[in-house]
Amino acid sequence: MSLTHRAVTMMLPVTDVDRASRFYTESLGLDYTGTNDEGSAMYALDGGATLLLLPRPGSHPTESTAMSFEVDDVTAEISALEARGVVFEDYDLPELKTVDHVCVLGSEKAAWFKDPDGNVLCLHESVS
């Protein structure tokens, strides 16, 4: 058996599943599929992947990007998400600078935002 061809479940700890679920459903528009026995909100993602929002009241977000969504047009996605209340991060660092929320990293464009728990999420677009 090879893990290469298996569906992946991304498990993201959140302090308040109901609050996080509203964000992922209403703001991001993800496909909510229910709640499991542990109380995790479940979302179907492309390619058979699943996102689980794990109830972890004492958890703290990582400072790194927890999850990145590949999109066809970063600028259009930013506009659509901002219209639903998503706030994008801007950076002005020597190694990372955004212009209108977008950073060009070689052959990719990327933009970052946070969920209600402070988990860093990303949009990325290939510009090759």
N, C-alpha and C. Protein backbone atom coordinates (compact mmCIF):
# COMPACT_ATOMS: atom_id res chain seq x y z
N MET A 1 0.84 -1.17 0.00
CA MET A 1 0.00 0.00 0.00
C MET A 1 0.89 1.24 0.00
N SER A 2 0.55 2.21 -0.82
CA SER A 2 1.30 3.45 -0.90
C SER A 2 0.44 4.60 -0.38
N LEU A 3 1.02 5.42 0.48
CA LEU A 3 0.28 6.58 0.99
C LEU A 3 0.12 7.66 -0.06
N THR A 4 0.90 7.57 -1.12
CA THR A 4 0.84 8.58 -2.18
C THR A 4 -0.55 8.72 -2.77
N HIS A 5 -1.29 7.64 -2.83
CA HIS A 5 -2.59 7.66 -3.50
C HIS A 5 -3.75 7.50 -2.52
N ARG A 6 -3.58 8.02 -1.32
CA ARG A 6 -4.61 7.95 -0.30
C ARG A 6 -5.12 9.34 0.02
N ALA A 7 -6.41 9.43 0.35
CA ALA A 7 -7.00 10.71 0.74
C ALA A 7 -6.37 11.16 2.07
N VAL A 8 -6.28 12.45 2.24
CA VAL A 8 -5.66 13.04 3.43
C VAL A 8 -6.72 13.75 4.26
N THR A 9 -6.59 13.64 5.58
CA THR A 9 -7.42 14.41 6.49
C THR A 9 -6.52 15.40 7.21
N MET A 10 -6.83 16.66 7.07
CA MET A 10 -6.09 17.74 7.74
C MET A 10 -6.82 18.02 9.06
N MET A 11 -6.11 17.92 10.17
CA MET A 11 -6.70 18.13 11.48
C MET A 11 -6.18 19.44 12.06
N LEU A 12 -7.09 20.38 12.25
CA LEU A 12 -6.73 21.72 12.70
C LEU A 12 -7.36 21.97 14.08
N PRO A 13 -6.55 22.17 15.12
CA PRO A 13 -7.12 22.42 16.44
C PRO A 13 -7.72 23.82 16.53
N VAL A 14 -8.90 23.90 17.15
CA VAL A 14 -9.58 25.18 17.35
C VAL A 14 -10.12 25.22 18.78
N THR A 15 -10.21 26.41 19.34
CA THR A 15 -10.68 26.54 20.72
C THR A 15 -12.21 26.50 20.81
N ASP A 16 -12.90 26.93 19.77
CA ASP A 16 -14.36 26.97 19.76
C ASP A 16 -14.83 26.45 18.40
N VAL A 17 -15.29 25.21 18.36
CA VAL A 17 -15.67 24.57 17.10
C VAL A 17 -16.81 25.32 16.42
N ASP A 18 -17.81 25.77 17.19
CA ASP A 18 -18.95 26.47 16.58
C ASP A 18 -18.50 27.76 15.89
N ARG A 19 -17.68 28.54 16.57
CA ARG A 19 -17.18 29.80 15.99
C ARG A 19 -16.34 29.52 14.75
N ALA A 20 -15.42 28.56 14.86
CA ALA A 20 -14.57 28.20 13.72
C ALA A 20 -15.40 27.66 12.57
N SER A 21 -16.39 26.85 12.89
CA SER A 21 -17.24 26.26 11.85
C SER A 21 -17.99 27.35 11.08
N ARG A 22 -18.49 28.36 11.78
CA ARG A 22 -19.15 29.47 11.07
C ARG A 22 -18.19 30.14 10.10
N PHE A 23 -16.94 30.36 10.53
CA PHE A 23 -15.94 30.99 9.66
C PHE A 23 -15.66 30.13 8.43
N TYR A 24 -15.40 28.85 8.64
CA TYR A 24 -15.05 27.97 7.52
C TYR A 24 -16.23 27.74 6.58
N THR A 25 -17.44 27.77 7.11
CA THR A 25 -18.63 27.58 6.29
C THR A 25 -19.06 28.88 5.61
N GLU A 26 -19.26 29.93 6.40
CA GLU A 26 -19.81 31.18 5.87
C GLU A 26 -18.76 32.05 5.19
N SER A 27 -17.62 32.21 5.80
CA SER A 27 -16.61 33.11 5.24
C SER A 27 -15.82 32.45 4.12
N LEU A 28 -15.42 31.19 4.33
CA LEU A 28 -14.61 30.51 3.31
C LEU A 28 -15.46 29.72 2.31
N GLY A 29 -16.68 29.40 2.68
CA GLY A 29 -17.57 28.68 1.77
C GLY A 29 -17.23 27.20 1.62
N LEU A 30 -16.57 26.60 2.62
CA LEU A 30 -16.23 25.19 2.54
C LEU A 30 -17.48 24.33 2.74
N ASP A 31 -17.44 23.12 2.22
CA ASP A 31 -18.56 22.19 2.23
C ASP A 31 -18.60 21.42 3.55
N TYR A 32 -19.44 21.87 4.48
CA TYR A 32 -19.60 21.22 5.78
C TYR A 32 -20.30 19.89 5.59
N THR A 33 -19.74 18.82 6.17
CA THR A 33 -20.34 17.49 5.99
C THR A 33 -20.86 16.90 7.30
N GLY A 34 -20.69 17.58 8.42
CA GLY A 34 -21.23 17.08 9.68
C GLY A 34 -20.22 17.18 10.81
N THR A 35 -20.60 16.55 11.92
CA THR A 35 -19.77 16.53 13.11
C THR A 35 -19.53 15.09 13.51
N ASN A 36 -18.30 14.76 13.86
CA ASN A 36 -18.01 13.39 14.27
C ASN A 36 -18.28 13.21 15.77
N ASP A 37 -18.04 12.00 16.29
CA ASP A 37 -18.33 11.69 17.69
C ASP A 37 -17.51 12.52 18.67
N GLU A 38 -16.34 12.99 18.25
CA GLU A 38 -15.48 13.80 19.11
C GLU A 38 -15.93 15.26 19.16
N GLY A 39 -16.85 15.64 18.27
CA GLY A 39 -17.31 17.02 18.20
C GLY A 39 -16.55 17.85 17.18
N SER A 40 -15.77 17.19 16.34
CA SER A 40 -15.03 17.89 15.28
C SER A 40 -15.96 18.20 14.11
N ALA A 41 -15.91 19.43 13.62
CA ALA A 41 -16.64 19.79 12.41
C ALA A 41 -15.84 19.24 11.22
N MET A 42 -16.55 18.65 10.26
CA MET A 42 -15.88 18.01 9.12
C MET A 42 -16.25 18.73 7.82
N TYR A 43 -15.24 18.87 6.95
CA TYR A 43 -15.42 19.54 5.66
C TYR A 43 -14.81 18.70 4.56
N ALA A 44 -15.54 18.57 3.45
CA ALA A 44 -15.03 17.85 2.28
C ALA A 44 -14.23 18.84 1.45
N LEU A 45 -13.01 18.44 1.09
CA LEU A 45 -12.15 19.25 0.23
C LEU A 45 -11.91 18.50 -1.07
N ASP A 46 -11.38 19.18 -2.05
CA ASP A 46 -11.13 18.60 -3.36
C ASP A 46 -10.19 17.40 -3.26
N GLY A 47 -10.32 16.47 -4.19
CA GLY A 47 -9.42 15.34 -4.26
C GLY A 47 -9.63 14.30 -3.18
N GLY A 48 -10.77 14.34 -2.51
CA GLY A 48 -11.04 13.37 -1.46
C GLY A 48 -10.48 13.74 -0.10
N ALA A 49 -9.86 14.91 0.01
CA ALA A 49 -9.31 15.35 1.29
C ALA A 49 -10.43 15.83 2.21
N THR A 50 -10.14 15.81 3.51
CA THR A 50 -11.10 16.24 4.52
C THR A 50 -10.40 17.18 5.49
N LEU A 51 -11.12 18.20 5.95
CA LEU A 51 -10.65 19.07 7.01
C LEU A 51 -11.47 18.77 8.25
N LEU A 52 -10.80 18.53 9.37
CA LEU A 52 -11.45 18.36 10.67
C LEU A 52 -11.04 19.51 11.56
N LEU A 53 -12.02 20.19 12.14
CA LEU A 53 -11.76 21.23 13.13
C LEU A 53 -11.88 20.57 14.50
N LEU A 54 -10.73 20.30 15.10
CA LEU A 54 -10.67 19.56 16.36
C LEU A 54 -10.94 20.47 17.55
N PRO A 55 -11.87 20.08 18.44
CA PRO A 55 -12.10 20.89 19.64
C PRO A 55 -10.95 20.75 20.63
N ARG A 56 -10.16 21.82 20.75
CA ARG A 56 -9.01 21.84 21.66
C ARG A 56 -8.99 23.18 22.37
N PRO A 57 -9.80 23.33 23.46
CA PRO A 57 -9.94 24.63 24.13
C PRO A 57 -8.63 25.29 24.55
N GLY A 58 -7.60 24.53 24.86
CA GLY A 58 -6.34 25.12 25.31
C GLY A 58 -5.29 25.24 24.23
N SER A 59 -5.68 25.04 22.99
CA SER A 59 -4.67 25.03 21.92
C SER A 59 -4.22 26.44 21.55
N HIS A 60 -3.03 26.51 20.98
CA HIS A 60 -2.45 27.76 20.50
C HIS A 60 -2.05 27.55 19.05
N PRO A 61 -2.31 28.53 18.20
CA PRO A 61 -1.97 28.35 16.78
C PRO A 61 -0.46 28.38 16.55
N THR A 62 -0.05 27.69 15.52
CA THR A 62 1.34 27.76 15.10
C THR A 62 1.57 29.09 14.38
N GLU A 63 2.78 29.57 14.36
CA GLU A 63 3.08 30.81 13.65
C GLU A 63 3.26 30.56 12.16
N SER A 64 3.39 29.31 11.77
CA SER A 64 3.57 28.96 10.36
C SER A 64 2.22 28.74 9.69
N THR A 65 2.24 28.72 8.38
CA THR A 65 1.02 28.44 7.63
C THR A 65 0.54 27.03 7.93
N ALA A 66 -0.71 26.92 8.37
CA ALA A 66 -1.28 25.62 8.71
C ALA A 66 -1.87 24.92 7.49
N MET A 67 -2.38 25.70 6.54
CA MET A 67 -3.04 25.13 5.38
C MET A 67 -3.03 26.16 4.26
N SER A 68 -2.87 25.68 3.02
CA SER A 68 -2.86 26.58 1.87
C SER A 68 -3.79 26.04 0.80
N PHE A 69 -4.60 26.92 0.24
CA PHE A 69 -5.54 26.56 -0.82
C PHE A 69 -4.97 27.01 -2.17
N GLU A 70 -4.85 26.10 -3.11
CA GLU A 70 -4.43 26.47 -4.46
C GLU A 70 -5.63 27.05 -5.19
N VAL A 71 -5.46 28.24 -5.77
CA VAL A 71 -6.54 28.93 -6.48
C VAL A 71 -6.06 29.32 -7.87
N ASP A 72 -7.00 29.60 -8.76
CA ASP A 72 -6.66 30.01 -10.12
C ASP A 72 -6.27 31.47 -10.21
N ASP A 73 -6.85 32.31 -9.33
CA ASP A 73 -6.63 33.75 -9.38
C ASP A 73 -6.64 34.31 -7.96
N VAL A 74 -5.47 34.52 -7.39
CA VAL A 74 -5.35 34.99 -6.01
C VAL A 74 -6.10 36.30 -5.80
N THR A 75 -5.95 37.23 -6.72
CA THR A 75 -6.58 38.55 -6.57
C THR A 75 -8.11 38.43 -6.52
N ALA A 76 -8.67 37.62 -7.39
CA ALA A 76 -10.13 37.43 -7.40
C ALA A 76 -10.60 36.75 -6.12
N GLU A 77 -9.84 35.77 -5.63
CA GLU A 77 -10.21 35.08 -4.39
C GLU A 77 -10.12 36.02 -3.20
N ILE A 78 -9.10 36.88 -3.18
CA ILE A 78 -8.99 37.86 -2.09
C ILE A 78 -10.23 38.74 -2.07
N SER A 79 -10.63 39.25 -3.23
CA SER A 79 -11.81 40.11 -3.31
C SER A 79 -13.06 39.39 -2.82
N ALA A 80 -13.24 38.15 -3.25
CA ALA A 80 -14.42 37.38 -2.86
C ALA A 80 -14.43 37.12 -1.35
N LEU A 81 -13.28 36.77 -0.79
CA LEU A 81 -13.21 36.49 0.65
C LEU A 81 -13.33 37.76 1.48
N GLU A 82 -12.74 38.85 1.02
CA GLU A 82 -12.88 40.13 1.75
C GLU A 82 -14.34 40.55 1.79
N ALA A 83 -15.09 40.28 0.72
CA ALA A 83 -16.52 40.61 0.69
C ALA A 83 -17.30 39.83 1.75
N ARG A 84 -16.74 38.69 2.19
CA ARG A 84 -17.36 37.87 3.23
C ARG A 84 -16.73 38.11 4.60
N GLY A 85 -15.90 39.17 4.71
CA GLY A 85 -15.36 39.55 6.00
C GLY A 85 -13.98 39.01 6.36
N VAL A 86 -13.34 38.28 5.46
CA VAL A 86 -12.00 37.75 5.73
C VAL A 86 -11.00 38.89 5.65
N VAL A 87 -10.11 38.97 6.64
CA VAL A 87 -9.09 40.02 6.70
C VAL A 87 -7.75 39.41 6.34
N PHE A 88 -7.09 39.98 5.35
CA PHE A 88 -5.79 39.47 4.90
C PHE A 88 -4.65 40.18 5.60
N GLU A 89 -3.56 39.45 5.76
CA GLU A 89 -2.36 39.95 6.41
C GLU A 89 -1.49 40.67 5.37
N ASP A 90 -0.74 41.64 5.83
CA ASP A 90 0.26 42.29 4.98
C ASP A 90 1.60 42.22 5.69
N TYR A 91 2.65 42.00 4.91
CA TYR A 91 3.99 41.85 5.46
C TYR A 91 4.96 42.78 4.74
N ASP A 92 5.89 43.32 5.48
CA ASP A 92 6.96 44.14 4.92
C ASP A 92 8.26 43.72 5.60
N LEU A 93 8.73 42.55 5.24
CA LEU A 93 9.94 41.96 5.80
C LEU A 93 10.99 41.85 4.71
N PRO A 94 12.25 41.74 5.04
CA PRO A 94 13.27 41.61 3.99
C PRO A 94 13.02 40.42 3.05
N GLU A 95 12.52 39.32 3.60
CA GLU A 95 12.33 38.13 2.78
C GLU A 95 10.88 37.92 2.32
N LEU A 96 9.97 38.78 2.77
CA LEU A 96 8.56 38.61 2.44
C LEU A 96 7.86 39.96 2.46
N LYS A 97 7.42 40.41 1.28
CA LYS A 97 6.73 41.69 1.18
C LYS A 97 5.46 41.49 0.36
N THR A 98 4.36 42.00 0.88
CA THR A 98 3.10 41.92 0.15
C THR A 98 2.75 43.28 -0.43
N VAL A 99 2.10 43.25 -1.57
CA VAL A 99 1.52 44.43 -2.21
C VAL A 99 0.06 44.09 -2.47
N ASP A 100 -0.85 44.88 -1.89
CA ASP A 100 -2.28 44.57 -1.96
C ASP A 100 -2.55 43.14 -1.49
N HIS A 101 -1.89 42.74 -0.41
CA HIS A 101 -2.01 41.45 0.25
C HIS A 101 -1.28 40.31 -0.46
N VAL A 102 -0.70 40.54 -1.61
CA VAL A 102 -0.12 39.47 -2.42
C VAL A 102 1.41 39.56 -2.41
N CYS A 103 2.04 38.40 -2.23
CA CYS A 103 3.49 38.28 -2.30
C CYS A 103 3.83 37.37 -3.48
N VAL A 104 4.79 37.78 -4.28
CA VAL A 104 5.27 36.93 -5.38
C VAL A 104 6.49 36.19 -4.87
N LEU A 105 6.40 34.86 -4.90
CA LEU A 105 7.46 33.98 -4.43
C LEU A 105 7.89 33.09 -5.59
N GLY A 106 8.83 33.56 -6.37
CA GLY A 106 9.26 32.78 -7.53
C GLY A 106 8.12 32.61 -8.52
N SER A 107 7.69 31.36 -8.71
CA SER A 107 6.62 31.08 -9.67
C SER A 107 5.25 31.00 -9.00
N GLU A 108 5.12 31.55 -7.80
CA GLU A 108 3.83 31.56 -7.11
C GLU A 108 3.50 32.94 -6.57
N LYS A 109 2.20 33.19 -6.49
CA LYS A 109 1.68 34.33 -5.75
C LYS A 109 1.00 33.75 -4.53
N ALA A 110 1.08 34.45 -3.41
CA ALA A 110 0.47 33.96 -2.18
C ALA A 110 -0.10 35.11 -1.37
N ALA A 111 -1.12 34.80 -0.58
CA ALA A 111 -1.74 35.75 0.33
C ALA A 111 -2.17 34.99 1.57
N TRP A 112 -2.04 35.62 2.74
CA TRP A 112 -2.31 34.96 4.01
C TRP A 112 -3.41 35.65 4.79
N PHE A 113 -4.15 34.86 5.55
CA PHE A 113 -5.17 35.36 6.47
C PHE A 113 -5.25 34.39 7.64
N LYS A 114 -5.97 34.79 8.69
CA LYS A 114 -6.09 33.94 9.87
C LYS A 114 -7.54 33.58 10.14
N ASP A 115 -7.72 32.40 10.70
CA ASP A 115 -9.05 32.00 11.13
C ASP A 115 -9.31 32.60 12.52
N PRO A 116 -10.49 32.42 13.09
CA PRO A 116 -10.78 33.04 14.40
C PRO A 116 -9.85 32.60 15.53
N ASP A 117 -9.16 31.47 15.38
CA ASP A 117 -8.22 31.00 16.40
C ASP A 117 -6.80 31.47 16.15
N GLY A 118 -6.58 32.20 15.05
CA GLY A 118 -5.24 32.67 14.72
C GLY A 118 -4.43 31.69 13.89
N ASN A 119 -5.06 30.60 13.43
CA ASN A 119 -4.36 29.69 12.52
C ASN A 119 -4.14 30.41 11.20
N VAL A 120 -2.90 30.34 10.70
CA VAL A 120 -2.55 31.04 9.47
C VAL A 120 -2.92 30.16 8.27
N LEU A 121 -3.74 30.74 7.39
CA LEU A 121 -4.17 30.07 6.17
C LEU A 121 -3.67 30.85 4.98
N CYS A 122 -3.53 30.20 3.85
CA CYS A 122 -2.92 30.83 2.69
C CYS A 122 -3.70 30.51 1.43
N LEU A 123 -3.66 31.43 0.50
CA LEU A 123 -4.09 31.19 -0.89
C LEU A 123 -2.83 31.21 -1.71
N HIS A 124 -2.68 30.30 -2.64
CA HIS A 124 -1.52 30.37 -3.54
C HIS A 124 -1.95 30.06 -4.97
N GLU A 125 -1.24 30.72 -5.89
CA GLU A 125 -1.52 30.61 -7.33
C GLU A 125 -0.21 30.39 -8.05
N SER A 126 -0.19 29.42 -8.94
CA SER A 126 0.99 29.19 -9.78
C SER A 126 0.98 30.20 -10.92
N VAL A 127 2.12 30.85 -11.15
CA VAL A 127 2.19 31.86 -12.22
C VAL A 127 3.22 31.47 -13.27
N SER A 128 3.46 30.20 -13.42
CA SER A 128 4.50 29.73 -14.35
C SER A 128 4.16 29.96 -15.77
